[in-house]
Amino acid sequence: MPSSKNYKRNYKREAAIETPERKGLRAERNKAHRAFVKMFGVLPSGYDVDHKQELGKGGSNRLSNLRKQKASENRSYPRNKKGRMK
């Protein structure tokens, strides 16, 4: 995602160029979120449902593979001590 201060995402363009594989993974993530909420209730504000093992790396939507994690941790990239991406 660009870091420009006034950047606005073009969601229509993103949807038009999305591959079937990415659509499938997004559908699986949405399905996992619904299952987690159904089992444990609504997540507090600022939290996401995280896959311990990513779907793209062979993970599943089983409840044993899901956990509650802060959105800031779940959506960020690994960083080094200086705050730069690894």
N, C-alpha and C. Protein backbone atom coordinates (compact mmCIF):
# COMPACT_ATOMS: atom_id res chain seq x y z
N MET A 1 0.85 -1.16 0.00
CA MET A 1 0.00 0.00 0.00
C MET A 1 0.90 1.24 0.00
N PRO A 2 0.68 2.16 -0.91
CA PRO A 2 1.51 3.36 -0.95
C PRO A 2 1.39 4.17 0.34
N SER A 3 2.48 4.83 0.67
CA SER A 3 2.50 5.57 1.94
C SER A 3 2.26 7.06 1.75
N SER A 4 1.84 7.47 0.57
CA SER A 4 1.59 8.88 0.31
C SER A 4 0.47 9.38 1.22
N LYS A 5 0.63 10.57 1.73
CA LYS A 5 -0.32 11.12 2.72
C LYS A 5 -1.74 11.24 2.16
N ASN A 6 -1.90 11.68 0.94
CA ASN A 6 -3.22 11.91 0.36
C ASN A 6 -3.67 10.79 -0.58
N TYR A 7 -3.04 9.63 -0.49
CA TYR A 7 -3.36 8.52 -1.38
C TYR A 7 -4.76 7.99 -1.08
N LYS A 8 -5.52 7.75 -2.13
CA LYS A 8 -6.85 7.16 -2.00
C LYS A 8 -6.89 5.90 -2.85
N ARG A 9 -7.34 4.80 -2.26
CA ARG A 9 -7.38 3.52 -2.98
C ARG A 9 -8.50 3.53 -4.01
N ASN A 10 -8.25 2.92 -5.13
CA ASN A 10 -9.24 2.76 -6.19
C ASN A 10 -9.79 1.34 -6.09
N TYR A 11 -10.85 1.18 -5.30
CA TYR A 11 -11.39 -0.14 -5.03
C TYR A 11 -11.97 -0.80 -6.29
N LYS A 12 -12.56 -0.02 -7.18
CA LYS A 12 -13.12 -0.59 -8.41
C LYS A 12 -12.01 -1.21 -9.25
N ARG A 13 -10.89 -0.51 -9.36
CA ARG A 13 -9.77 -1.03 -10.15
C ARG A 13 -9.19 -2.28 -9.49
N GLU A 14 -9.06 -2.26 -8.17
CA GLU A 14 -8.53 -3.42 -7.46
C GLU A 14 -9.42 -4.65 -7.68
N ALA A 15 -10.73 -4.45 -7.63
CA ALA A 15 -11.65 -5.56 -7.84
C ALA A 15 -11.57 -6.08 -9.27
N ALA A 16 -11.36 -5.19 -10.22
CA ALA A 16 -11.32 -5.59 -11.63
C ALA A 16 -10.08 -6.43 -11.95
N ILE A 17 -8.97 -6.17 -11.26
CA ILE A 17 -7.74 -6.90 -11.59
C ILE A 17 -7.44 -8.03 -10.60
N GLU A 18 -8.34 -8.28 -9.65
CA GLU A 18 -8.11 -9.33 -8.67
C GLU A 18 -8.18 -10.71 -9.33
N THR A 19 -7.21 -11.55 -9.03
CA THR A 19 -7.15 -12.88 -9.62
C THR A 19 -8.13 -13.82 -8.91
N PRO A 20 -8.54 -14.88 -9.59
CA PRO A 20 -9.43 -15.85 -8.95
C PRO A 20 -8.81 -16.47 -7.70
N GLU A 21 -7.50 -16.66 -7.70
CA GLU A 21 -6.83 -17.24 -6.53
C GLU A 21 -6.96 -16.31 -5.32
N ARG A 22 -6.74 -15.01 -5.53
CA ARG A 22 -6.87 -14.05 -4.43
C ARG A 22 -8.31 -13.95 -3.95
N LYS A 23 -9.27 -14.03 -4.89
CA LYS A 23 -10.68 -14.00 -4.50
C LYS A 23 -11.01 -15.18 -3.60
N GLY A 24 -10.47 -16.35 -3.96
CA GLY A 24 -10.71 -17.55 -3.17
C GLY A 24 -10.13 -17.45 -1.77
N LEU A 25 -8.91 -16.93 -1.67
CA LEU A 25 -8.28 -16.77 -0.36
C LEU A 25 -9.04 -15.75 0.49
N ARG A 26 -9.50 -14.67 -0.13
CA ARG A 26 -10.27 -13.66 0.59
C ARG A 26 -11.58 -14.27 1.11
N ALA A 27 -12.23 -15.09 0.28
CA ALA A 27 -13.46 -15.76 0.70
C ALA A 27 -13.19 -16.69 1.88
N GLU A 28 -12.05 -17.39 1.87
CA GLU A 28 -11.70 -18.28 2.97
C GLU A 28 -11.43 -17.49 4.25
N ARG A 29 -10.78 -16.34 4.15
CA ARG A 29 -10.53 -15.51 5.33
C ARG A 29 -11.84 -14.99 5.91
N ASN A 30 -12.76 -14.57 5.05
CA ASN A 30 -14.08 -14.11 5.51
C ASN A 30 -14.85 -15.23 6.20
N LYS A 31 -14.74 -16.43 5.63
CA LYS A 31 -15.40 -17.61 6.20
C LYS A 31 -14.84 -17.92 7.59
N ALA A 32 -13.53 -17.82 7.75
CA ALA A 32 -12.88 -18.06 9.04
C ALA A 32 -13.34 -17.03 10.06
N HIS A 33 -13.45 -15.78 9.65
CA HIS A 33 -13.89 -14.72 10.56
C HIS A 33 -15.31 -15.00 11.05
N ARG A 34 -16.19 -15.38 10.14
CA ARG A 34 -17.57 -15.68 10.54
C ARG A 34 -17.63 -16.85 11.52
N ALA A 35 -16.83 -17.90 11.27
CA ALA A 35 -16.82 -19.07 12.15
C ALA A 35 -16.29 -18.71 13.53
N PHE A 36 -15.23 -17.89 13.58
CA PHE A 36 -14.65 -17.48 14.86
C PHE A 36 -15.65 -16.66 15.67
N VAL A 37 -16.31 -15.72 15.01
CA VAL A 37 -17.31 -14.88 15.69
C VAL A 37 -18.49 -15.71 16.17
N LYS A 38 -18.89 -16.68 15.38
CA LYS A 38 -20.01 -17.54 15.77
C LYS A 38 -19.66 -18.34 17.03
N MET A 39 -18.41 -18.78 17.12
CA MET A 39 -17.99 -19.61 18.24
C MET A 39 -17.68 -18.79 19.50
N PHE A 40 -17.00 -17.64 19.35
CA PHE A 40 -16.50 -16.89 20.49
C PHE A 40 -17.16 -15.54 20.70
N GLY A 41 -18.01 -15.13 19.81
CA GLY A 41 -18.66 -13.83 19.94
C GLY A 41 -17.91 -12.74 19.20
N VAL A 42 -18.46 -11.54 19.23
CA VAL A 42 -17.91 -10.42 18.48
C VAL A 42 -16.54 -10.04 19.04
N LEU A 43 -15.61 -9.75 18.14
CA LEU A 43 -14.27 -9.33 18.54
C LEU A 43 -14.28 -7.91 19.07
N PRO A 44 -13.45 -7.61 20.06
CA PRO A 44 -13.33 -6.23 20.52
C PRO A 44 -12.77 -5.34 19.41
N SER A 45 -13.02 -4.07 19.50
CA SER A 45 -12.51 -3.14 18.50
C SER A 45 -10.99 -3.19 18.48
N GLY A 46 -10.42 -3.20 17.28
CA GLY A 46 -8.97 -3.20 17.14
C GLY A 46 -8.36 -4.59 17.06
N TYR A 47 -9.20 -5.63 16.95
CA TYR A 47 -8.70 -7.00 16.86
C TYR A 47 -9.14 -7.64 15.55
N ASP A 48 -8.32 -8.58 15.06
CA ASP A 48 -8.60 -9.35 13.86
C ASP A 48 -8.56 -10.83 14.20
N VAL A 49 -9.12 -11.64 13.30
CA VAL A 49 -8.94 -13.09 13.38
C VAL A 49 -7.70 -13.40 12.56
N ASP A 50 -6.74 -14.09 13.17
CA ASP A 50 -5.47 -14.41 12.53
C ASP A 50 -5.37 -15.91 12.34
N HIS A 51 -4.78 -16.32 11.22
CA HIS A 51 -4.46 -17.73 10.99
C HIS A 51 -3.05 -17.96 11.51
N LYS A 52 -2.88 -18.93 12.41
CA LYS A 52 -1.55 -19.24 12.93
C LYS A 52 -0.65 -19.67 11.77
N GLN A 53 -1.16 -20.57 10.93
CA GLN A 53 -0.46 -20.95 9.70
C GLN A 53 -1.27 -20.38 8.55
N GLU A 54 -0.64 -19.56 7.74
CA GLU A 54 -1.35 -18.85 6.67
C GLU A 54 -2.04 -19.80 5.70
N LEU A 55 -3.16 -19.35 5.16
CA LEU A 55 -3.88 -20.16 4.18
C LEU A 55 -3.00 -20.43 2.97
N GLY A 56 -2.24 -19.44 2.55
CA GLY A 56 -1.37 -19.59 1.38
C GLY A 56 -0.22 -20.54 1.60
N LYS A 57 0.05 -20.88 2.87
CA LYS A 57 1.13 -21.80 3.19
C LYS A 57 0.61 -23.11 3.75
N GLY A 58 -0.63 -23.45 3.39
CA GLY A 58 -1.18 -24.74 3.77
C GLY A 58 -2.03 -24.74 5.02
N GLY A 59 -2.31 -23.58 5.59
CA GLY A 59 -3.15 -23.50 6.78
C GLY A 59 -4.61 -23.79 6.46
N SER A 60 -5.41 -23.91 7.51
CA SER A 60 -6.83 -24.21 7.32
C SER A 60 -7.68 -23.23 8.12
N ASN A 61 -8.99 -23.39 8.00
CA ASN A 61 -9.93 -22.56 8.74
C ASN A 61 -10.42 -23.25 10.01
N ARG A 62 -9.74 -24.30 10.44
CA ARG A 62 -10.13 -24.96 11.68
C ARG A 62 -9.94 -24.00 12.84
N LEU A 63 -10.77 -24.11 13.84
CA LEU A 63 -10.68 -23.22 15.00
C LEU A 63 -9.33 -23.33 15.70
N SER A 64 -8.69 -24.50 15.61
CA SER A 64 -7.37 -24.67 16.23
C SER A 64 -6.30 -23.85 15.52
N ASN A 65 -6.57 -23.43 14.29
CA ASN A 65 -5.60 -22.63 13.52
C ASN A 65 -5.93 -21.13 13.59
N LEU A 66 -6.99 -20.75 14.29
CA LEU A 66 -7.40 -19.35 14.37
C LEU A 66 -7.12 -18.78 15.75
N ARG A 67 -6.82 -17.50 15.79
CA ARG A 67 -6.61 -16.82 17.06
C ARG A 67 -6.98 -15.36 16.92
N LYS A 68 -7.24 -14.73 18.06
CA LYS A 68 -7.52 -13.30 18.10
C LYS A 68 -6.18 -12.59 18.22
N GLN A 69 -5.98 -11.55 17.38
CA GLN A 69 -4.73 -10.81 17.42
C GLN A 69 -5.00 -9.33 17.15
N LYS A 70 -4.19 -8.46 17.75
CA LYS A 70 -4.36 -7.03 17.52
C LYS A 70 -4.20 -6.75 16.03
N ALA A 71 -5.05 -5.88 15.50
CA ALA A 71 -5.01 -5.55 14.08
C ALA A 71 -3.67 -4.96 13.68
N SER A 72 -3.08 -4.15 14.54
CA SER A 72 -1.79 -3.53 14.21
C SER A 72 -0.70 -4.57 14.05
N GLU A 73 -0.77 -5.68 14.79
CA GLU A 73 0.22 -6.75 14.66
C GLU A 73 -0.10 -7.64 13.47
N ASN A 74 -1.38 -7.91 13.26
CA ASN A 74 -1.79 -8.82 12.20
C ASN A 74 -1.58 -8.23 10.81
N ARG A 75 -1.67 -6.93 10.67
CA ARG A 75 -1.60 -6.30 9.36
C ARG A 75 -0.24 -5.71 9.03
N SER A 76 0.73 -5.84 9.92
CA SER A 76 2.03 -5.24 9.65
C SER A 76 3.01 -6.29 9.14
N TYR A 77 4.12 -5.82 8.60
CA TYR A 77 5.17 -6.68 8.10
C TYR A 77 6.24 -6.82 9.17
N PRO A 78 7.01 -7.92 9.14
CA PRO A 78 8.11 -8.05 10.10
C PRO A 78 9.10 -6.89 9.93
N ARG A 79 9.56 -6.37 11.04
CA ARG A 79 10.46 -5.22 11.01
C ARG A 79 11.73 -5.50 11.79
N ASN A 80 12.81 -4.79 11.43
CA ASN A 80 14.06 -4.92 12.18
C ASN A 80 14.06 -3.92 13.33
N LYS A 81 15.18 -3.82 14.06
CA LYS A 81 15.24 -2.95 15.24
C LYS A 81 15.07 -1.49 14.90
N LYS A 82 15.41 -1.09 13.68
CA LYS A 82 15.30 0.32 13.26
C LYS A 82 13.90 0.64 12.73
N GLY A 83 13.02 -0.34 12.67
CA GLY A 83 11.66 -0.12 12.21
C GLY A 83 11.48 -0.32 10.71
N ARG A 84 12.53 -0.72 10.04
CA ARG A 84 12.43 -0.98 8.59
C ARG A 84 11.96 -2.41 8.35
N MET A 85 11.33 -2.60 7.19
CA MET A 85 10.85 -3.94 6.85
C MET A 85 12.03 -4.87 6.61
N LYS A 86 11.88 -6.12 7.06
CA LYS A 86 12.93 -7.13 6.85
C LYS A 86 12.92 -7.62 5.43
